[in-house]
Amino acid sequence: MPRVRPSPVIPHLAREQANAVELYLQYKGYHWNVGGPLFRELHLLFDEHASTIFETIDPLAERQRMLGGAAAYTLESMHRASTLPHETGLPATTREMLERLLAAHHVVIEGMHEGFKAAEHDADPGSADIFARMVQAHEKMEWFLREQLLEPPQIPEEGGRASVVAEKGGFNPTLAGSHSPSPFPGHPLTS
């Protein structure tokens, strides 16, 4: 049955499609430009996250079409619709790259929650499902980034002195792709 009114969920889908395009490009830029002692691990992690985010773009655009909207496709329109902090230049440090990506994921996670609520309010379980699965993927990526920014914990040794733990539970420079985040828990989104 065709819709008699435009879905109020479309703007949420459009915003998150734009955010996905912008975040994908941000990750790829950092993937190409990262350096330093954690180069290999972060180079791989950034590319892995970029691939996960890339897989979200098509379902968001297609859902807009299913609900009777048009899916934007120009970089200019994506830039205008995105709610992510806009990049003004390459970060000076790896830490700054991680902090900017964390900030971007926080914006996306908040937007996904808003989209989910709008979909539930409009009795749109298809869109609610997309938002629910995508927010889980973003929460996992945010967790991986957050863990990279933790300082090594200070564990008291016998005799009262503190030591830095680097092998168990502390800063681990070998995070690499051993825990490849699945883009979406449950069934994959495909077109």
C-alpha atoms as a PDB file:
ATOM      1  CA  MET A   1       0.000   0.000   0.000  1.00  0.00           C
ATOM      2  CA  PRO A   2       1.604   3.329  -1.006  1.00  0.00           C
ATOM      3  CA  ARG A   3       2.245   5.918   1.673  1.00  0.00           C
ATOM      4  CA  VAL A   4      -0.158   8.857   1.724  1.00  0.00           C
ATOM      5  CA  ARG A   5       2.340  11.105   3.517  1.00  0.00           C
ATOM      6  CA  PRO A   6       6.116  11.364   3.562  1.00  0.00           C
ATOM      7  CA  SER A   7       7.621   9.400   6.395  1.00  0.00           C
ATOM      8  CA  PRO A   8       8.957  11.529   9.255  1.00  0.00           C
ATOM      9  CA  VAL A   9      11.778   8.989   9.507  1.00  0.00           C
ATOM     10  CA  ILE A  10      13.302   9.990   6.142  1.00  0.00           C
ATOM     11  CA  PRO A  11      15.242  12.994   7.522  1.00  0.00           C
ATOM     12  CA  HIS A  12      16.822  10.749  10.166  1.00  0.00           C
ATOM     13  CA  LEU A  13      17.841   8.214   7.530  1.00  0.00           C
ATOM     14  CA  ALA A  14      19.199  10.983   5.285  1.00  0.00           C
ATOM     15  CA  ARG A  15      21.220  12.510   8.129  1.00  0.00           C
ATOM     16  CA  GLU A  16      22.760   9.157   9.036  1.00  0.00           C
ATOM     17  CA  GLN A  17      23.500   8.369   5.387  1.00  0.00           C
ATOM     18  CA  ALA A  18      25.367  11.697   5.163  1.00  0.00           C
ATOM     19  CA  ASN A  19      27.147  11.020   8.453  1.00  0.00           C
ATOM     20  CA  ALA A  20      28.180   7.581   7.180  1.00  0.00           C
ATOM     21  CA  VAL A  21      29.665   9.041   3.987  1.00  0.00           C
ATOM     22  CA  GLU A  22      31.559  11.721   5.946  1.00  0.00           C
ATOM     23  CA  LEU A  23      32.788   9.243   8.580  1.00  0.00           C
ATOM     24  CA  TYR A  24      33.856   6.770   5.900  1.00  0.00           C
ATOM     25  CA  LEU A  25      35.967   9.469   4.215  1.00  0.00           C
ATOM     26  CA  GLN A  26      37.401  10.543   7.581  1.00  0.00           C
ATOM     27  CA  TYR A  27      38.434   6.972   8.383  1.00  0.00           C
ATOM     28  CA  LYS A  28      39.982   6.475   4.945  1.00  0.00           C
ATOM     29  CA  GLY A  29      41.907   9.747   5.283  1.00  0.00           C
ATOM     30  CA  TYR A  30      43.280   8.661   8.636  1.00  0.00           C
ATOM     31  CA  HIS A  31      43.996   5.168   7.289  1.00  0.00           C
ATOM     32  CA  TRP A  32      46.152   6.703   4.552  1.00  0.00           C
ATOM     33  CA  ASN A  33      47.889   9.221   6.812  1.00  0.00           C
ATOM     34  CA  VAL A  34      48.395   7.519  10.175  1.00  0.00           C
ATOM     35  CA  GLY A  35      51.984   7.050  11.339  1.00  0.00           C
ATOM     36  CA  GLY A  36      54.027   6.322  14.424  1.00  0.00           C
ATOM     37  CA  PRO A  37      54.634   3.296  16.631  1.00  0.00           C
ATOM     38  CA  LEU A  38      51.085   1.977  16.208  1.00  0.00           C
ATOM     39  CA  PHE A  39      51.045   2.544  12.449  1.00  0.00           C
ATOM     40  CA  ARG A  40      50.257  -1.021  11.388  1.00  0.00           C
ATOM     41  CA  GLU A  41      47.581  -1.638  14.014  1.00  0.00           C
ATOM     42  CA  LEU A  42      45.761   1.667  13.473  1.00  0.00           C
ATOM     43  CA  HIS A  43      46.180   1.525   9.692  1.00  0.00           C
ATOM     44  CA  LEU A  44      44.358  -1.821   9.738  1.00  0.00           C
ATOM     45  CA  LEU A  45      41.795  -0.773  12.371  1.00  0.00           C
ATOM     46  CA  PHE A  46      40.865   2.422  10.491  1.00  0.00           C
ATOM     47  CA  ASP A  47      40.418   0.470   7.261  1.00  0.00           C
ATOM     48  CA  GLU A  48      38.321  -2.174   9.026  1.00  0.00           C
ATOM     49  CA  HIS A  49      36.054   0.484  10.537  1.00  0.00           C
ATOM     50  CA  ALA A  50      35.817   2.294   7.185  1.00  0.00           C
ATOM     51  CA  SER A  51      34.598  -0.933   5.558  1.00  0.00           C
ATOM     52  CA  THR A  52      32.000  -1.442   8.285  1.00  0.00           C
ATOM     53  CA  ILE A  53      30.714   2.109   7.838  1.00  0.00           C
ATOM     54  CA  PHE A  54      30.702   1.811   4.041  1.00  0.00           C
ATOM     55  CA  GLU A  55      28.301  -1.120   4.362  1.00  0.00           C
ATOM     56  CA  THR A  56      25.785   1.102   6.183  1.00  0.00           C
ATOM     57  CA  ILE A  57      25.451   3.693   3.408  1.00  0.00           C
ATOM     58  CA  ASP A  58      23.418   1.646   0.934  1.00  0.00           C
ATOM     59  CA  PRO A  59      20.799   0.363   3.426  1.00  0.00           C
ATOM     60  CA  LEU A  60      20.223   3.916   4.707  1.00  0.00           C
ATOM     61  CA  ALA A  61      19.766   5.266   1.169  1.00  0.00           C
ATOM     62  CA  GLU A  62      17.543   2.386   0.070  1.00  0.00           C
ATOM     63  CA  ARG A  63      15.328   2.711   3.129  1.00  0.00           C
ATOM     64  CA  GLN A  64      14.707   6.367   2.234  1.00  0.00           C
ATOM     65  CA  ARG A  65      13.580   5.246  -1.220  1.00  0.00           C
ATOM     66  CA  MET A  66      11.320   2.566   0.263  1.00  0.00           C
ATOM     67  CA  LEU A  67       9.636   5.245   2.376  1.00  0.00           C
ATOM     68  CA  GLY A  68       9.029   7.468  -0.638  1.00  0.00           C
ATOM     69  CA  GLY A  69      11.976   9.839  -0.312  1.00  0.00           C
ATOM     70  CA  ALA A  70      14.928  10.600  -2.530  1.00  0.00           C
ATOM     71  CA  ALA A  71      18.411   9.558  -1.454  1.00  0.00           C
ATOM     72  CA  ALA A  72      21.039  12.267  -1.805  1.00  0.00           C
ATOM     73  CA  TYR A  73      24.226  11.290  -3.585  1.00  0.00           C
ATOM     74  CA  THR A  74      26.487  14.295  -4.130  1.00  0.00           C
ATOM     75  CA  LEU A  75      29.335  15.055  -1.766  1.00  0.00           C
ATOM     76  CA  GLU A  76      28.023  18.608  -1.383  1.00  0.00           C
ATOM     77  CA  SER A  77      24.598  17.381  -0.274  1.00  0.00           C
ATOM     78  CA  MET A  78      26.208  14.889   2.114  1.00  0.00           C
ATOM     79  CA  HIS A  79      28.380  17.610   3.621  1.00  0.00           C
ATOM     80  CA  ARG A  80      25.342  19.854   4.171  1.00  0.00           C
ATOM     81  CA  ALA A  81      23.236  17.094   5.759  1.00  0.00           C
ATOM     82  CA  SER A  82      25.964  15.705   8.003  1.00  0.00           C
ATOM     83  CA  THR A  83      25.931  16.589  11.687  1.00  0.00           C
ATOM     84  CA  LEU A  84      29.525  15.477  12.256  1.00  0.00           C
ATOM     85  CA  PRO A  85      32.202  17.992  13.166  1.00  0.00           C
ATOM     86  CA  HIS A  86      33.689  19.065   9.832  1.00  0.00           C
ATOM     87  CA  GLU A  87      37.345  18.328   9.239  1.00  0.00           C
ATOM     88  CA  THR A  88      39.442  21.446   8.718  1.00  0.00           C
ATOM     89  CA  GLY A  89      42.741  19.644   8.329  1.00  0.00           C
ATOM     90  CA  LEU A  90      44.631  16.500   9.111  1.00  0.00           C
ATOM     91  CA  PRO A  91      45.113  15.944  12.860  1.00  0.00           C
ATOM     92  CA  ALA A  92      48.630  16.631  14.126  1.00  0.00           C
ATOM     93  CA  THR A  93      48.827  13.425  16.192  1.00  0.00           C
ATOM     94  CA  THR A  94      47.494   9.904  16.232  1.00  0.00           C
ATOM     95  CA  ARG A  95      45.799  10.670  19.550  1.00  0.00           C
ATOM     96  CA  GLU A  96      43.937  13.555  17.903  1.00  0.00           C
ATOM     97  CA  MET A  97      42.793  11.198  15.118  1.00  0.00           C
ATOM     98  CA  LEU A  98      41.380   8.817  17.720  1.00  0.00           C
ATOM     99  CA  GLU A  99      39.710  11.661  19.641  1.00  0.00           C
ATOM    100  CA  ARG A 100      38.074  13.052  16.487  1.00  0.00           C
ATOM    101  CA  LEU A 101      36.797   9.614  15.500  1.00  0.00           C
ATOM    102  CA  LEU A 102      35.406   9.091  19.007  1.00  0.00           C
ATOM    103  CA  ALA A 103      33.604  12.431  18.825  1.00  0.00           C
ATOM    104  CA  ALA A 104      32.157  11.482  15.433  1.00  0.00           C
ATOM    105  CA  HIS A 105      30.896   8.132  16.724  1.00  0.00           C
ATOM    106  CA  HIS A 106      29.226   9.868  19.678  1.00  0.00           C
ATOM    107  CA  VAL A 107      27.316  12.098  17.243  1.00  0.00           C
ATOM    108  CA  VAL A 108      26.305   9.111  15.109  1.00  0.00           C
ATOM    109  CA  ILE A 109      25.223   7.031  18.106  1.00  0.00           C
ATOM    110  CA  GLU A 110      23.061   9.888  19.380  1.00  0.00           C
ATOM    111  CA  GLY A 111      21.555  10.325  15.901  1.00  0.00           C
ATOM    112  CA  MET A 112      20.839   6.601  15.604  1.00  0.00           C
ATOM    113  CA  HIS A 113      18.981   6.720  18.935  1.00  0.00           C
ATOM    114  CA  GLU A 114      16.909   9.660  17.663  1.00  0.00           C
ATOM    115  CA  GLY A 115      16.176   7.817  14.416  1.00  0.00           C
ATOM    116  CA  PHE A 116      15.158   4.688  16.308  1.00  0.00           C
ATOM    117  CA  LYS A 117      12.715   6.681  18.464  1.00  0.00           C
ATOM    118  CA  ALA A 118      11.259   8.402  15.384  1.00  0.00           C
ATOM    119  CA  ALA A 119      10.815   5.038  13.649  1.00  0.00           C
ATOM    120  CA  GLU A 120       9.109   3.514  16.680  1.00  0.00           C
ATOM    121  CA  HIS A 121       6.843   6.575  16.996  1.00  0.00           C
ATOM    122  CA  ASP A 122       5.884   6.211  13.314  1.00  0.00           C
ATOM    123  CA  ALA A 123       5.278   2.437  13.674  1.00  0.00           C
ATOM    124  CA  ASP A 124       8.137   1.732  11.227  1.00  0.00           C
ATOM    125  CA  PRO A 125       9.799  -1.478  12.446  1.00  0.00           C
ATOM    126  CA  GLY A 126      11.976  -1.741   9.311  1.00  0.00           C
ATOM    127  CA  SER A 127      13.714   1.563   9.985  1.00  0.00           C
ATOM    128  CA  ALA A 128      13.846   0.898  13.737  1.00  0.00           C
ATOM    129  CA  ASP A 129      15.633  -2.393  13.009  1.00  0.00           C
ATOM    130  CA  ILE A 130      18.201  -0.669  10.766  1.00  0.00           C
ATOM    131  CA  PHE A 131      18.939   1.943  13.430  1.00  0.00           C
ATOM    132  CA  ALA A 132      19.150  -0.678  16.191  1.00  0.00           C
ATOM    133  CA  ARG A 133      21.625  -2.850  14.310  1.00  0.00           C
ATOM    134  CA  MET A 134      23.733   0.075  13.131  1.00  0.00           C
ATOM    135  CA  VAL A 135      23.983   1.656  16.556  1.00  0.00           C
ATOM    136  CA  GLN A 136      25.437  -1.605  17.883  1.00  0.00           C
ATOM    137  CA  ALA A 137      28.123  -1.536  15.186  1.00  0.00           C
ATOM    138  CA  HIS A 138      28.985   2.090  16.023  1.00  0.00           C
ATOM    139  CA  GLU A 139      29.085   1.342  19.754  1.00  0.00           C
ATOM    140  CA  LYS A 140      31.570  -1.457  19.100  1.00  0.00           C
ATOM    141  CA  MET A 141      33.785   0.766  16.937  1.00  0.00           C
ATOM    142  CA  GLU A 142      33.605   3.510  19.581  1.00  0.00           C
ATOM    143  CA  TRP A 143      34.684   0.986  22.216  1.00  0.00           C
ATOM    144  CA  PHE A 144      37.719  -0.103  20.163  1.00  0.00           C
ATOM    145  CA  LEU A 145      38.791   3.539  19.728  1.00  0.00           C
ATOM    146  CA  ARG A 146      38.189   4.399  23.389  1.00  0.00           C
ATOM    147  CA  GLU A 147      40.378   1.499  24.497  1.00  0.00           C
ATOM    148  CA  GLN A 148      43.254   2.878  22.414  1.00  0.00           C
ATOM    149  CA  LEU A 149      43.211   6.100  24.446  1.00  0.00           C
ATOM    150  CA  LEU A 150      43.460   4.443  27.862  1.00  0.00           C
ATOM    151  CA  GLU A 151      46.658   4.948  29.785  1.00  0.00           C
ATOM    152  CA  PRO A 152      48.354   1.829  31.134  1.00  0.00           C
ATOM    153  CA  PRO A 153      46.885   1.072  34.565  1.00  0.00           C
ATOM    154  CA  GLN A 154      49.075   1.372  37.644  1.00  0.00           C
ATOM    155  CA  ILE A 155      48.976  -1.902  39.597  1.00  0.00           C
ATOM    156  CA  PRO A 156      50.518  -1.927  43.108  1.00  0.00           C
ATOM    157  CA  GLU A 157      53.287  -4.479  43.456  1.00  0.00           C
ATOM    158  CA  GLU A 158      54.268  -6.222  46.638  1.00  0.00           C
ATOM    159  CA  GLY A 159      56.190  -3.728  48.689  1.00  0.00           C
ATOM    160  CA  GLY A 160      53.963  -0.776  47.755  1.00  0.00           C
ATOM    161  CA  ARG A 161      55.471   0.371  44.455  1.00  0.00           C
ATOM    162  CA  ALA A 162      53.295   0.758  41.352  1.00  0.00           C
ATOM    163  CA  SER A 163      54.141  -0.788  38.022  1.00  0.00           C
ATOM    164  CA  VAL A 164      52.704  -0.312  34.582  1.00  0.00           C
ATOM    165  CA  VAL A 165      50.911  -3.307  33.169  1.00  0.00           C
ATOM    166  CA  ALA A 166      51.243  -3.552  29.407  1.00  0.00           C
ATOM    167  CA  GLU A 167      50.533  -7.190  28.776  1.00  0.00           C
ATOM    168  CA  LYS A 168      47.279  -7.827  30.630  1.00  0.00           C
ATOM    169  CA  GLY A 169      44.495  -5.290  30.588  1.00  0.00           C
ATOM    170  CA  GLY A 170      46.654  -2.277  29.814  1.00  0.00           C
ATOM    171  CA  PHE A 171      47.649  -0.494  26.650  1.00  0.00           C
ATOM    172  CA  ASN A 172      48.058  -3.180  24.046  1.00  0.00           C
ATOM    173  CA  PRO A 173      49.717  -2.086  20.829  1.00  0.00           C
ATOM    174  CA  THR A 174      48.751  -5.368  19.165  1.00  0.00           C
ATOM    175  CA  LEU A 175      44.990  -4.858  19.059  1.00  0.00           C
ATOM    176  CA  ALA A 176      45.041  -5.401  15.295  1.00  0.00           C
ATOM    177  CA  GLY A 177      42.334  -7.270  13.491  1.00  0.00           C
ATOM    178  CA  SER A 178      42.045 -10.099  15.970  1.00  0.00           C
ATOM    179  CA  HIS A 179      38.582  -8.902  16.955  1.00  0.00           C
ATOM    180  CA  SER A 180      37.086  -7.913  13.661  1.00  0.00           C
ATOM    181  CA  PRO A 181      33.822  -6.116  14.433  1.00  0.00           C
ATOM    182  CA  SER A 182      30.932  -7.565  12.534  1.00  0.00           C
ATOM    183  CA  PRO A 183      29.158  -4.741  10.715  1.00  0.00           C
ATOM    184  CA  PHE A 184      25.800  -5.731  12.150  1.00  0.00           C
ATOM    185  CA  PRO A 185      24.839  -8.262  14.784  1.00  0.00           C
ATOM    186  CA  GLY A 186      22.299 -10.746  13.489  1.00  0.00           C
ATOM    187  CA  HIS A 187      21.495 -10.825   9.812  1.00  0.00           C
ATOM    188  CA  PRO A 188      23.688  -8.714   7.541  1.00  0.00           C
ATOM    189  CA  LEU A 189      22.095  -5.788   5.718  1.00  0.00           C
ATOM    190  CA  THR A 190      22.305  -6.359   2.005  1.00  0.00           C
ATOM    191  CA  SER A 191      20.543  -4.869  -0.931  1.00  0.00           C
END
